[in-house]
Each structure stands twice: as structure tokens, then as C-alpha cells.
């Protein structure tokens, strides 16, 4: 955060220095322009006065020497006086004081030009005496003095402006230099601070990297240790589950045997009850013991016989369910101990083989199974057979009654994984049961089909052992789609030993 703030501050300083430099440079350029403008005005005043003097000097020289060249020079100088005064007026139009001076200067210059015109006319008529009289008369007037005084006032104003504008230009340049130097110093300071922070950050990073390496070493050792402990605990759980399941089967077999014996004794027991009832009522004799015919019971004896038969049925049903669960647990523990063997698998051929084995079930359910092109993968063949067999069998088992079944098996590849989809148009699964169906011995929906609730749990465990993931997308009455992602080229790793 400190480096970010410093970088932001440096950026703002550079922007501020650049903006200030641009403003000050423009100001200095503007002030220098005004200085140059003042010099131009002074030069124009001097040029105007020079041309007036040239015209006067040429006139006097002609009277003294009668040289025609001087007369031509007079005319040339007189012709430039009006353009020069117009240019001077244009240059000083920004200064009210100089505008007033131009207003005074213009009539005086025009009057002097009129005198020049009369002098030139008399000279051309060779009236030298009249010209001299006119010159004396012009000298006696204040036209030339007016021109000199106004020009002097204009020069003084421009000198004042020159001093002022020169000071402004110098001040702008000094300020620009100061800002540049201060900004450069600040940038250098920020660069130094940045270098210091970067070096400190590098040192902190080196220390952190060293600590990270140490932590990684410790973490790897801890992970290896925990993995070994977990694997041992997992193996112990498997052994425990196998032992418990195996030991449970022995008393279960005894219960099954004694239940069968109890069922066989049922006829003898109720025959004796019937005999006792007949004896008490002196009715017809009952059948002899050992015959297969059912004794004739009445009243409470008959009700007791029905209850007894119903209880035996419940016991036998529970025993059968217990037997199936124990068998399932034994199969899971055996599967958990099996080592996976990665081989190249033609997935479409494997699916077609599975579909062939369930073709009779699909025909009975009125279902078609469509197989799209599937990617080949390297994995454990038996595990894949169990995965797809279970999913396809479930798709057939849970189709919607009265609706032709449509089961599709699709596949594609994505980022080094093979993605398989098994979709159907069956009864669907309520979204709140999506996680429940993957739990061991848990089932969702109407329980009208045989099963122990271990199929999908087993499938997900196999998918995980193969380094993949499994998910379901389904809504009630709108079919289901199971998606399985598996590595395209799976290799046996330590996951091979994990359940």
C-alpha cells in the first residue's frame, strides 16, 4: 500500500510539475512577446521620425545643391510617412495612452506633409525664395515641435512598458526555473524513497520466500505424515468394516436358520392349539401330528396364527435386507482394497457393451439408449464399467411410467479432462435431494424400486479415486443429467490406495 501511495504521489507530482511548467513557459513566452512588441513599437517610432527628418534634410539639401537626386529622396521619404504612422497606430492599439498620442501625432504629421507638398511644388516652379520663406515659416510654427514631443512621450511610455514587461518576463522565467528545479528535486527524492522501499520490499520478500520454503518443507513433511496416518486409518476402517460385516453374517445366518425352524414349528404349534380347542369342545378330532394340512383354527386362535405368520414375514424381510446391506459393505471394502490399473479404453466400445447387457431391461421399459461420439481415455476399466453400468441401470430403473424412455450418453474433452453426460427423461430428482442421493444407504423419491442406497455413493467414490468429479442436474418430473469429469490420461498415484 505504501508503494502504491508513493507511486500515486510521484505521478501527481509529475503531473503538477508538467502543468506548472507548461503554464509558466507559456507565461514567459507571452511576457517575452510583449517585450518584443515594445521594441517593435520603439523601432517604429524611430523609423517614423527618421523618415520625417530624411524628408526635411532632402528638401534643405536640394535648396543648397539643386541636386535632383535629393528631390527624389525627399519624395520617397514623404511617401513612407503615412504607412509608417498607420503601422505605428496598429502596433499601439492595445495601449489607450498610445492611442491618444497617435491621435495627437497624426494631425501634426499630416500638417507637416502638407508643408512638404507646398515646398515641393515651389521647388518644381523654381521659386527658391518662396521655398526659403516657407521653411522659415515652418520653423516658426510648432508642428515639428509637436511631432518631437509626442514621439518623445510615446518612447517614454514604451520604455516604461519595456522595463515592466522585462521584469515580468524575468520573473516568469525565474519561477519556471524554480518550479522545474524543485520538481526535479522532489522527483529525485521520490525516486530515492521508491528505491529504498523497493529494496526493503525485496529484503522482506527474500525473508518471506525463505520462510515459505521452510514452511513448505515442514508442510510437505506434515502432509506426508498426515497422509500416511489417514491411509492407515482408512485401511483400518476398511478392515474393521470387513471384520464387522463378516462377524455380523454369522449371527444373521443363525437367525435365518432359527427363523426357518420356527416357521416349520408353526404348523405343529397351532395344530396342538387346535387339538386342545377341539378337546375342550368335544368336536371332531384334529389331524395327526406330522401331516402337512393346515389345522382348522377359530376365533382368537386364528387371529393369533395370522399375527404369528405376519411377524415371521417381517423377520424374514428384515433378515434379507440386513443380508443385502452386509453383502454391499463387504463388496465396498473389497473394492476399496483393489488396486486400479490404468489402461487405454475405447469408451464407446465399453458403453456399447454395457448397453448390450441391459438391452432386455431397456426393451421391457420401452426405452432407447443413444450413444454419441465419446473420447477415449486412460483409466481403470473395471471402475469405469461399474460407474457407467450403475448410472445407465438407474436411468432405466427410474423412467417415467407411460412415457417412452430416452437415455443419451454424450462426451467431450475440456482442459485435459473427459466430460461424460448420462441424461434421461425419467422421473427426475428434487433439487433438495441432490446431495442426499450420494450418501451411503440414503435414497430419494418414491421407494418403489429395489435397492440399498449404495450405488451412487459407490460411483462417486470411484470417480474421486480416478481423480475426477461428479455432479447432477435434475428437477422433479423433468429428467436427470449426471455429469462426470475424468482425466484423459489418468496414472496410478497414491489416490489409488485411498477410498
Protein backbone atom coordinates (compact mmCIF):
# COMPACT_ATOMS: atom_id res chain seq x y z
CA UNK A 1 0.00 0.00 0.00
CA UNK A 2 2.89 2.36 0.79
CA UNK A 3 4.46 1.73 -2.61
CA UNK A 4 1.14 2.31 -4.33
CA UNK A 5 0.63 5.59 -2.46
CA UNK A 6 4.20 6.64 -3.26
CA UNK A 7 3.71 5.83 -6.92
CA UNK A 8 0.47 7.81 -6.93
CA UNK A 9 2.21 10.75 -5.22
CA UNK A 10 5.06 10.64 -7.75
CA UNK A 11 2.56 10.59 -10.60
CA UNK A 12 0.69 13.56 -9.13
CA UNK A 13 3.97 15.46 -8.64
CA UNK A 14 4.98 14.82 -12.25
CA UNK A 15 1.57 15.96 -13.46
CA UNK A 16 1.72 19.08 -11.28
CA UNK A 17 5.27 19.91 -12.42
CA UNK A 18 4.39 19.35 -16.05
CA UNK A 19 1.26 21.50 -15.78
CA UNK A 20 3.08 24.26 -13.89
CA UNK A 21 5.96 24.17 -16.34
CA UNK A 22 3.61 24.46 -19.31
CA UNK A 23 1.76 27.37 -17.69
CA UNK A 24 4.95 29.17 -16.68
CA UNK A 25 6.65 28.59 -20.03
CA UNK A 26 3.60 29.98 -21.81
CA UNK A 27 3.58 32.93 -19.42
CA UNK A 28 7.28 33.56 -20.02
CA UNK A 29 6.74 33.29 -23.78
CA UNK A 30 3.86 35.74 -23.53
CA UNK A 31 5.90 38.18 -21.47
CA UNK A 32 8.81 37.88 -23.90
CA UNK A 33 6.36 38.56 -26.72
CA UNK A 34 5.28 41.77 -25.05
CA UNK A 35 8.93 42.80 -24.64
CA UNK A 36 9.49 42.18 -28.33
CA UNK A 37 6.30 44.10 -29.07
CA UNK A 38 7.58 47.09 -27.10
CA UNK A 39 10.85 47.00 -29.01
CA UNK A 40 8.89 46.92 -32.29
CA UNK A 41 6.87 49.98 -31.24
CA UNK A 42 10.03 51.88 -30.30
CA UNK A 43 11.63 50.94 -33.61
CA UNK A 44 8.51 52.06 -35.47
CA UNK A 45 8.55 55.45 -33.68
CA UNK A 46 12.20 55.90 -34.58
CA UNK A 47 11.50 54.86 -38.17
CA UNK A 48 8.70 57.43 -38.46
CA UNK A 49 10.87 60.23 -37.07
CA UNK A 50 13.74 59.16 -39.29
CA UNK A 51 11.62 59.35 -42.42
CA UNK A 52 10.34 62.83 -41.43
CA UNK A 53 13.92 64.01 -40.90
CA UNK A 54 15.00 62.46 -44.21
CA UNK A 55 12.25 64.37 -45.98
CA UNK A 56 13.30 67.66 -44.30
CA UNK A 57 17.01 67.06 -44.92
CA UNK A 58 16.45 66.22 -48.57
CA UNK A 59 14.48 69.44 -49.05
CA UNK A 60 17.20 71.60 -47.50
CA UNK A 61 19.94 69.80 -49.43
CA UNK A 62 18.13 70.36 -52.70
CA UNK A 63 17.83 74.09 -51.97
CA UNK A 64 21.57 74.21 -51.31
CA UNK A 65 22.81 71.98 -54.15
CA UNK A 66 19.92 71.79 -56.64
CA UNK A 67 20.65 68.05 -56.90
CA UNK A 68 17.61 66.26 -58.43
CA UNK A 69 18.52 63.07 -56.55
CA UNK A 70 17.79 64.81 -53.26
CA UNK A 71 14.35 65.77 -54.52
CA UNK A 72 13.64 62.15 -55.38
CA UNK A 73 14.84 61.08 -51.93
CA UNK A 74 12.50 63.64 -50.37
CA UNK A 75 9.54 62.26 -52.28
CA UNK A 76 10.42 58.68 -51.33
CA UNK A 77 10.70 59.54 -47.63
CA UNK A 78 7.48 61.53 -47.66
CA UNK A 79 5.64 58.63 -49.31
CA UNK A 80 6.53 56.25 -46.42
CA UNK A 81 5.44 58.56 -43.61
CA UNK A 82 1.69 57.76 -43.75
CA UNK A 83 2.20 53.94 -43.95
CA UNK A 84 4.61 54.17 -41.02
CA UNK A 85 2.19 56.12 -38.86
CA UNK A 86 -0.58 53.60 -39.74
CA UNK A 87 1.68 50.72 -38.74
CA UNK A 88 2.53 52.53 -35.52
CA UNK A 89 -1.17 53.03 -34.79
CA UNK A 90 -1.79 49.32 -35.39
CA UNK A 91 1.07 48.30 -33.06
CA UNK A 92 -0.12 50.58 -30.24
CA UNK A 93 -3.84 49.85 -30.48
CA UNK A 94 -3.63 47.79 -27.22
CA UNK A 95 -2.48 50.84 -25.20
CA UNK A 96 -5.05 53.62 -24.55
CA UNK A 97 -2.30 56.15 -23.78
CA UNK A 98 -0.54 55.47 -27.04
CA UNK A 99 -3.86 55.72 -28.91
CA UNK A 100 -4.19 59.23 -27.51
CA UNK A 101 -0.61 60.03 -28.61
CA UNK A 102 -1.33 58.73 -32.10
CA UNK A 103 -4.40 60.97 -32.20
CA UNK A 104 -2.11 63.94 -31.46
CA UNK A 105 0.68 62.79 -33.73
CA UNK A 106 -1.39 62.14 -36.84
CA UNK A 107 -2.63 65.79 -37.38
CA UNK A 108 0.87 67.14 -36.81
CA UNK A 109 2.38 64.71 -39.30
CA UNK A 110 -0.35 65.41 -41.84
CA UNK A 111 0.28 69.17 -41.41
CA UNK A 112 3.99 68.62 -41.93
CA UNK A 113 3.30 66.55 -45.03
CA UNK A 114 1.15 69.40 -46.38
CA UNK A 115 4.08 71.76 -45.85
CA UNK A 116 6.33 69.27 -47.64
CA UNK A 117 3.88 69.26 -50.53
CA UNK A 118 3.92 73.10 -50.80
CA UNK A 119 7.72 73.16 -50.62
CA UNK A 120 7.98 70.55 -53.33
CA UNK A 121 5.55 72.44 -55.55
CA UNK A 122 7.52 75.70 -55.18
CA UNK A 123 10.77 73.92 -55.84
CA UNK A 124 9.40 72.48 -59.04
CA UNK A 125 8.41 76.07 -60.04
CA UNK A 126 11.99 77.24 -59.29
CA UNK A 127 10.75 79.68 -56.64
CA UNK A 128 13.64 79.25 -54.26
CA UNK A 129 12.95 82.49 -52.40
CA UNK A 130 9.41 81.38 -51.70
CA UNK A 131 10.67 77.99 -50.53
CA UNK A 132 13.09 79.60 -48.10
CA UNK A 133 10.34 81.82 -46.77
CA UNK A 134 8.15 78.75 -46.35
CA UNK A 135 10.91 76.91 -44.48
CA UNK A 136 11.36 79.87 -42.15
CA UNK A 137 7.60 79.94 -41.63
CA UNK A 138 7.53 76.19 -40.87
CA UNK A 139 10.35 76.60 -38.40
CA UNK A 140 8.40 79.32 -36.68
CA UNK A 141 5.36 77.00 -36.26
CA UNK A 142 5.17 74.29 -33.61
CA UNK A 143 4.40 71.38 -35.99
CA UNK A 144 7.86 69.88 -35.77
CA UNK A 145 7.98 70.50 -32.04
CA UNK A 146 4.61 68.80 -31.61
CA UNK A 147 5.84 65.80 -33.56
CA UNK A 148 9.01 65.64 -31.45
CA UNK A 149 7.16 65.98 -28.15
CA UNK A 150 4.51 63.39 -28.99
CA UNK A 151 7.18 60.96 -30.24
CA UNK A 152 9.18 61.56 -27.05
CA UNK A 153 6.10 60.80 -24.94
CA UNK A 154 5.45 57.62 -26.89
CA UNK A 155 9.08 56.49 -26.44
CA UNK A 156 8.91 57.15 -22.72
CA UNK A 157 5.70 55.09 -22.44
CA UNK A 158 7.27 52.25 -24.36
CA UNK A 159 10.41 52.42 -22.22
CA UNK A 160 8.22 52.18 -19.13
CA UNK A 161 6.39 49.20 -20.63
CA UNK A 162 9.69 47.68 -21.68
CA UNK A 163 11.02 47.82 -18.13
CA UNK A 164 7.79 46.42 -16.71
CA UNK A 165 7.48 43.65 -19.28
CA UNK A 166 11.14 42.75 -18.96
CA UNK A 167 10.68 42.36 -15.21
CA UNK A 168 7.60 40.19 -15.78
CA UNK A 169 9.44 38.01 -18.28
CA UNK A 170 12.41 37.62 -15.95
CA UNK A 171 10.11 36.78 -13.05
CA UNK A 172 8.24 34.17 -15.13
CA UNK A 173 11.49 32.57 -16.23
CA UNK A 174 12.84 32.51 -12.67
CA UNK A 175 9.60 31.00 -11.42
CA UNK A 176 9.63 28.38 -14.18
CA UNK A 177 13.24 27.52 -13.33
CA UNK A 178 12.39 27.34 -9.64
CA UNK A 179 9.42 25.03 -10.27
CA UNK A 180 11.49 22.83 -12.56
CA UNK A 181 14.35 22.58 -10.09
CA UNK A 182 12.01 21.98 -7.12
CA UNK A 183 10.01 19.43 -9.07
CA UNK A 184 13.14 17.65 -10.23
CA UNK A 185 14.39 17.57 -6.67
CA UNK A 186 11.08 16.21 -5.46
CA UNK A 187 11.06 13.58 -8.20
CA UNK A 188 14.61 12.59 -7.25
CA UNK A 189 13.54 12.38 -3.61
CA UNK A 190 10.56 10.23 -4.52
CA UNK A 191 12.79 8.05 -6.69
CA UNK A 192 15.17 7.65 -3.76
CA UNK A 193 12.31 6.74 -1.44
CA UNK A 194 10.99 4.32 -4.06
CA UNK A 195 14.37 2.67 -4.37
CA UNK A 196 14.55 2.39 -0.59
CA UNK A 197 11.08 0.88 -0.39
CA UNK A 198 11.78 -1.49 -3.28
CA UNK A 199 14.99 -2.68 -1.66
CA UNK A 200 13.21 -3.08 1.66
CA UNK A 201 10.40 -4.94 -0.12
CA UNK A 202 12.95 -7.19 -1.82
CA UNK A 203 14.57 -7.96 1.52
CA UNK A 204 11.16 -8.67 3.04
CA UNK A 205 10.30 -10.83 0.04
CA UNK A 206 13.55 -12.77 0.38
CA UNK A 207 12.81 -13.34 4.05
CA UNK A 208 9.24 -14.36 3.24
CA UNK A 209 10.44 -16.71 0.49
CA UNK A 210 12.89 -18.30 2.88
CA UNK A 211 10.15 -18.72 5.46
CA UNK A 212 7.83 -20.07 2.76
CA UNK A 213 10.44 -22.61 1.70
CA UNK A 214 10.85 -23.71 5.30
CA UNK A 215 7.11 -23.84 5.76
CA UNK A 216 6.73 -25.81 2.54
CA UNK A 217 9.29 -28.32 3.71
CA UNK A 218 7.53 -28.62 7.05
CA UNK A 219 4.16 -28.70 5.31
CA UNK A 220 5.24 -31.44 2.93
CA UNK A 221 6.54 -33.47 5.83
CA UNK A 222 3.34 -32.82 7.77
CA UNK A 223 1.20 -33.68 4.75
CA UNK A 224 3.13 -36.89 4.17
CA UNK A 225 2.76 -37.77 7.82
CA UNK A 226 -0.95 -36.94 7.87
CA UNK A 227 -1.47 -38.79 4.58
CA UNK A 228 0.21 -41.87 5.99
CA UNK A 229 -1.90 -41.60 9.15
CA UNK A 230 -5.04 -41.11 7.05
CA UNK A 231 -4.18 -44.03 4.81
CA UNK A 232 -3.54 -46.23 7.82
CA UNK A 233 -6.80 -45.08 9.45
CA UNK A 234 -8.60 -45.67 6.19
CA UNK A 235 -7.19 -49.15 5.88
CA UNK A 236 -8.11 -49.78 9.49
CA UNK A 237 -11.68 -48.64 8.80
CA UNK A 238 -11.84 -50.98 5.83
CA UNK A 239 -10.51 -53.88 7.88
CA UNK A 240 -12.93 -53.00 10.66
CA UNK A 241 -15.85 -52.80 8.23
CA UNK A 242 -14.86 -56.15 6.71
CA UNK A 243 -14.49 -57.82 10.11
CA UNK A 244 -17.74 -56.36 11.41
CA UNK A 245 -19.62 -57.35 8.26
CA UNK A 246 -18.12 -60.83 8.32
CA UNK A 247 -18.87 -61.28 12.01
CA UNK A 248 -22.41 -59.96 11.60
CA UNK A 249 -23.12 -62.52 8.91
CA UNK A 250 -22.58 -65.44 11.34
CA UNK A 251 -25.34 -64.48 13.84
CA UNK A 252 -27.50 -63.40 10.91
CA UNK A 253 -27.19 -66.89 9.42
CA UNK A 254 -28.19 -68.35 12.80
CA UNK A 255 -31.19 -66.03 12.96
CA UNK A 256 -32.16 -67.05 9.44
CA UNK A 257 -31.84 -70.75 10.37
CA UNK A 258 -33.82 -70.45 13.57
CA UNK A 259 -36.47 -68.40 11.77
CA UNK A 260 -36.84 -71.19 9.20
CA UNK A 261 -37.13 -73.73 12.03
CA UNK A 262 -39.67 -71.53 13.79
CA UNK A 263 -41.67 -71.36 10.56
CA UNK A 264 -41.59 -75.15 10.33
CA UNK A 265 -42.68 -75.47 14.00
CA UNK A 266 -45.54 -73.04 13.40
CA UNK A 267 -47.79 -75.80 11.95
CA UNK A 268 -47.16 -78.17 14.85
CA UNK A 269 -47.71 -75.42 17.42
CA UNK A 270 -51.03 -74.32 16.03
CA UNK A 271 -52.09 -77.96 15.40
CA UNK A 272 -51.64 -78.58 19.11
CA UNK A 273 -53.57 -75.43 19.89
CA UNK A 274 -56.33 -76.58 17.58
CA UNK A 275 -56.30 -80.06 19.23
CA UNK A 276 -56.65 -78.51 22.66
CA UNK A 277 -59.54 -76.42 21.41
CA UNK A 278 -61.25 -79.46 19.92
CA UNK A 279 -60.78 -81.47 23.08
CA UNK A 280 -62.34 -78.76 25.15
CA UNK A 281 -65.36 -78.61 22.90
CA UNK A 282 -65.51 -82.38 22.18
CA UNK A 283 -65.53 -81.60 18.46
CA UNK A 284 -64.16 -83.72 15.65
CA UNK A 285 -60.63 -84.92 16.08
CA UNK A 286 -57.81 -82.82 14.59
CA UNK A 287 -55.24 -84.12 12.17
CA UNK A 288 -52.41 -86.21 13.47
CA UNK A 289 -49.09 -84.66 14.06
CA UNK A 290 -46.76 -84.71 11.09
CA UNK A 291 -49.40 -84.18 8.41
CA UNK A 292 -48.97 -81.16 6.07
CA UNK A 293 -52.55 -79.92 6.21
CA UNK A 294 -53.17 -76.62 7.96
CA UNK A 295 -55.01 -77.01 11.27
CA UNK A 296 -58.50 -75.60 11.43
CA UNK A 297 -58.47 -72.66 13.85
CA UNK A 298 -61.24 -70.46 15.07
CA UNK A 299 -61.61 -67.14 16.82
CA UNK A 300 -58.60 -65.87 18.68
CA UNK A 301 -56.53 -68.89 17.64
CA UNK A 302 -57.00 -67.98 14.01
CA UNK A 303 -56.08 -64.34 14.72
CA UNK A 304 -53.02 -65.46 16.66
CA UNK A 305 -51.96 -67.62 13.70
CA UNK A 306 -52.22 -64.66 11.32
CA UNK A 307 -50.20 -62.42 13.67
CA UNK A 308 -47.58 -65.12 14.04
CA UNK A 309 -47.30 -65.54 10.26
CA UNK A 310 -47.08 -61.76 9.75
CA UNK A 311 -44.33 -61.43 12.38
CA UNK A 312 -42.32 -64.20 10.72
CA UNK A 313 -42.71 -62.37 7.39
CA UNK A 314 -41.35 -59.14 8.90
CA UNK A 315 -38.43 -61.00 10.46
CA UNK A 316 -37.57 -62.73 7.18
CA UNK A 317 -37.84 -59.42 5.25
CA UNK A 318 -35.54 -57.64 7.74
CA UNK A 319 -33.08 -60.52 7.64
CA UNK A 320 -32.97 -60.36 3.84
CA UNK A 321 -32.40 -56.59 3.94
CA UNK A 322 -29.69 -57.00 6.56
CA UNK A 323 -28.04 -59.65 4.42
CA UNK A 324 -28.05 -57.37 1.38
CA UNK A 325 -26.55 -54.49 3.37
CA UNK A 326 -23.80 -56.69 4.79
CA UNK A 327 -23.05 -58.00 1.30
CA UNK A 328 -22.89 -54.42 0.00
CA UNK A 329 -20.49 -53.39 2.77
CA UNK A 330 -18.27 -56.38 2.05
CA UNK A 331 -18.25 -55.52 -1.65
CA UNK A 332 -17.34 -51.90 -0.88
CA UNK A 333 -14.46 -52.91 1.38
CA UNK A 334 -13.18 -55.37 -1.24
CA UNK A 335 -13.44 -52.66 -3.92
CA UNK A 336 -11.63 -50.17 -1.70
CA UNK A 337 -8.68 -52.55 -1.40
CA UNK A 338 -8.47 -53.21 -5.12
CA UNK A 339 -5.56 -51.61 -6.97
CA UNK A 340 -6.57 -49.63 -10.06
CA UNK A 341 -4.74 -50.39 -13.30
CA UNK A 342 -4.70 -47.60 -15.93
CA UNK A 343 -5.20 -48.90 -19.49
CA UNK A 344 -6.22 -47.34 -22.80
CA UNK A 345 -10.01 -47.65 -23.08
CA UNK A 346 -12.25 -47.33 -26.12
CA UNK A 347 -15.06 -45.64 -24.22
CA UNK A 348 -17.70 -46.12 -26.90
CA UNK A 349 -16.99 -49.85 -27.08
CA UNK A 350 -17.21 -50.08 -23.28
CA UNK A 351 -20.58 -48.24 -23.22
CA UNK A 352 -21.94 -50.36 -26.07
CA UNK A 353 -21.04 -53.49 -24.09
CA UNK A 354 -22.90 -52.18 -21.06
CA UNK A 355 -25.93 -51.25 -23.19
CA UNK A 356 -25.96 -54.78 -24.65
CA UNK A 357 -26.17 -56.29 -21.15
CA UNK A 358 -29.17 -54.12 -20.21
CA UNK A 359 -30.90 -54.35 -23.60
CA UNK A 360 -33.61 -56.66 -22.20
CA UNK A 361 -34.36 -54.26 -19.32
CA UNK A 362 -34.46 -51.31 -21.74
CA UNK A 363 -36.82 -53.18 -24.04
CA UNK A 364 -39.15 -54.03 -21.15
CA UNK A 365 -39.14 -50.36 -20.09
CA UNK A 366 -39.72 -49.15 -23.67
CA UNK A 367 -36.51 -47.09 -23.62
CA UNK A 368 -33.92 -46.28 -26.25
CA UNK A 369 -30.27 -45.62 -25.40
CA UNK A 370 -28.40 -43.25 -27.72
CA UNK A 371 -24.60 -43.15 -27.68
CA UNK A 372 -22.88 -40.06 -29.08
CA UNK A 373 -19.18 -39.94 -30.04
CA UNK A 374 -17.11 -40.37 -26.86
CA UNK A 375 -13.46 -39.54 -26.13
CA UNK A 376 -11.08 -42.40 -25.38
CA UNK A 377 -9.28 -42.22 -22.04
CA UNK A 378 -6.63 -43.98 -19.98
CA UNK A 379 -8.21 -45.24 -16.76
CA UNK A 380 -9.25 -48.35 -14.81
CA UNK A 381 -11.58 -50.40 -16.99
CA UNK A 382 -13.45 -52.22 -14.21
CA UNK A 383 -14.10 -48.96 -12.35
CA UNK A 384 -15.48 -47.35 -15.49
CA UNK A 385 -17.72 -50.33 -16.12
CA UNK A 386 -19.11 -50.06 -12.59
CA UNK A 387 -19.62 -46.29 -12.96
CA UNK A 388 -21.47 -46.34 -16.27
CA UNK A 389 -23.35 -49.58 -15.53
CA UNK A 390 -24.78 -48.10 -12.35
CA UNK A 391 -25.80 -44.81 -14.00
CA UNK A 392 -27.37 -46.45 -17.07
CA UNK A 393 -29.17 -49.02 -14.88
CA UNK A 394 -30.55 -46.22 -12.69
CA UNK A 395 -31.69 -44.30 -15.79
CA UNK A 396 -33.66 -47.35 -16.96
CA UNK A 397 -34.99 -48.16 -13.49
CA UNK A 398 -36.36 -44.67 -12.78
CA UNK A 399 -38.05 -43.83 -16.08
CA UNK A 400 -41.44 -42.17 -16.08
CA UNK A 401 -44.32 -44.68 -16.40
CA UNK A 402 -46.26 -44.40 -19.66
CA UNK A 403 -43.57 -42.28 -21.36
CA UNK A 404 -41.10 -43.76 -23.89
CA UNK A 405 -37.69 -43.64 -22.30
CA UNK A 406 -34.87 -41.66 -23.93
CA UNK A 407 -31.39 -42.11 -22.46
CA UNK A 408 -28.42 -40.31 -24.02
CA UNK A 409 -24.72 -40.86 -23.33
CA UNK A 410 -22.54 -37.96 -24.54
CA UNK A 411 -18.90 -36.98 -24.15
CA UNK A 412 -16.42 -34.23 -24.89
CA UNK A 413 -12.98 -33.04 -23.79
CA UNK A 414 -12.20 -29.86 -21.87
CA UNK A 415 -8.86 -28.69 -20.44
CA UNK A 416 -7.31 -32.15 -20.25
CA UNK A 417 -10.46 -33.76 -18.87
CA UNK A 418 -13.01 -36.05 -20.47
CA UNK A 419 -16.54 -34.93 -19.63
CA UNK A 420 -19.31 -37.58 -19.85
CA UNK A 421 -23.04 -36.92 -19.55
CA UNK A 422 -25.75 -39.52 -18.94
CA UNK A 423 -29.11 -37.82 -19.47
CA UNK A 424 -32.63 -39.25 -19.33
CA UNK A 425 -36.26 -38.10 -19.44
CA UNK A 426 -37.25 -40.01 -16.32
CA UNK A 427 -38.99 -39.04 -13.12
CA UNK A 428 -36.21 -36.65 -12.07
CA UNK A 429 -34.85 -35.75 -8.64
CA UNK A 430 -36.00 -32.98 -6.34
CA UNK A 431 -33.20 -30.36 -6.04
CA UNK A 432 -33.25 -30.68 -2.23
CA UNK A 433 -32.27 -34.36 -2.64
CA UNK A 434 -29.31 -33.79 -4.99
CA UNK A 435 -26.78 -34.27 -2.20
CA UNK A 436 -28.77 -36.93 -0.40
CA UNK A 437 -28.59 -39.41 -3.30
CA UNK A 438 -24.79 -39.59 -2.97
CA UNK A 439 -24.90 -40.52 0.73
CA UNK A 440 -24.39 -44.15 1.68
CA UNK A 441 -27.64 -46.07 2.33
CA UNK A 442 -29.71 -42.97 1.51
CA UNK A 443 -32.36 -42.85 -1.23
CA UNK A 444 -34.64 -40.12 -2.54
CA UNK A 445 -38.12 -40.03 -4.00
CA UNK A 446 -40.69 -42.82 -4.02
CA UNK A 447 -39.17 -46.10 -2.80
CA UNK A 448 -40.89 -48.37 -5.32
CA UNK A 449 -37.75 -49.92 -6.79
CA UNK A 450 -35.35 -52.42 -5.20
CA UNK A 451 -32.04 -51.07 -3.95
CA UNK A 452 -29.87 -50.50 -0.89
CA UNK A 453 -28.87 -46.87 -1.50
CA UNK A 454 -25.18 -47.55 -2.14
CA UNK A 455 -24.95 -47.32 -5.95
CA UNK A 456 -24.37 -43.58 -6.39
CA UNK A 457 -22.21 -43.39 -3.27
CA UNK A 458 -20.03 -46.13 -4.74
CA UNK A 459 -19.95 -44.39 -8.14
CA UNK A 460 -18.85 -41.08 -6.62
CA UNK A 461 -16.15 -42.82 -4.57
CA UNK A 462 -14.83 -44.49 -7.76
CA UNK A 463 -14.88 -41.19 -9.66
CA UNK A 464 -12.91 -39.50 -6.88
CA UNK A 465 -10.36 -42.30 -6.80
CA UNK A 466 -9.90 -41.81 -10.54
CA UNK A 467 -9.15 -38.10 -9.97
CA UNK A 468 -12.48 -36.81 -11.27
CA UNK A 469 -15.65 -35.08 -10.17
CA UNK A 470 -19.34 -35.90 -10.40
CA UNK A 471 -22.47 -33.75 -10.32
CA UNK A 472 -26.18 -33.98 -11.06
CA UNK A 473 -28.64 -31.56 -12.66
CA UNK A 474 -32.28 -32.51 -12.31
CA UNK A 475 -35.78 -31.36 -11.47
CA UNK A 476 -38.71 -33.41 -10.31
CA UNK A 477 -40.61 -34.96 -13.27
CA UNK A 478 -38.17 -33.41 -15.78
CA UNK A 479 -35.44 -36.00 -16.14
CA UNK A 480 -31.87 -36.08 -14.83
CA UNK A 481 -28.38 -35.46 -16.16
CA UNK A 482 -25.32 -36.87 -14.39
CA UNK A 483 -22.01 -35.25 -15.41
CA UNK A 484 -18.68 -36.99 -14.79
CA UNK A 485 -15.28 -35.38 -15.42
CA UNK A 486 -12.29 -37.75 -15.58
CA UNK A 487 -8.65 -37.20 -16.53
CA UNK A 488 -8.00 -38.12 -20.15
CA UNK A 489 -4.74 -39.80 -19.17
CA UNK A 490 -5.01 -40.97 -15.55
CA UNK A 491 -1.97 -42.52 -13.87
CA UNK A 492 -1.92 -44.57 -10.69
CA UNK A 493 -0.97 -42.37 -7.73
CA UNK A 494 -1.34 -42.54 -4.01
CA UNK A 495 -5.06 -41.89 -4.57
CA UNK A 496 -5.08 -45.49 -5.74
CA UNK A 497 -4.94 -46.51 -2.11
CA UNK A 498 -7.50 -44.03 -0.84
CA UNK A 499 -11.19 -44.75 -0.71
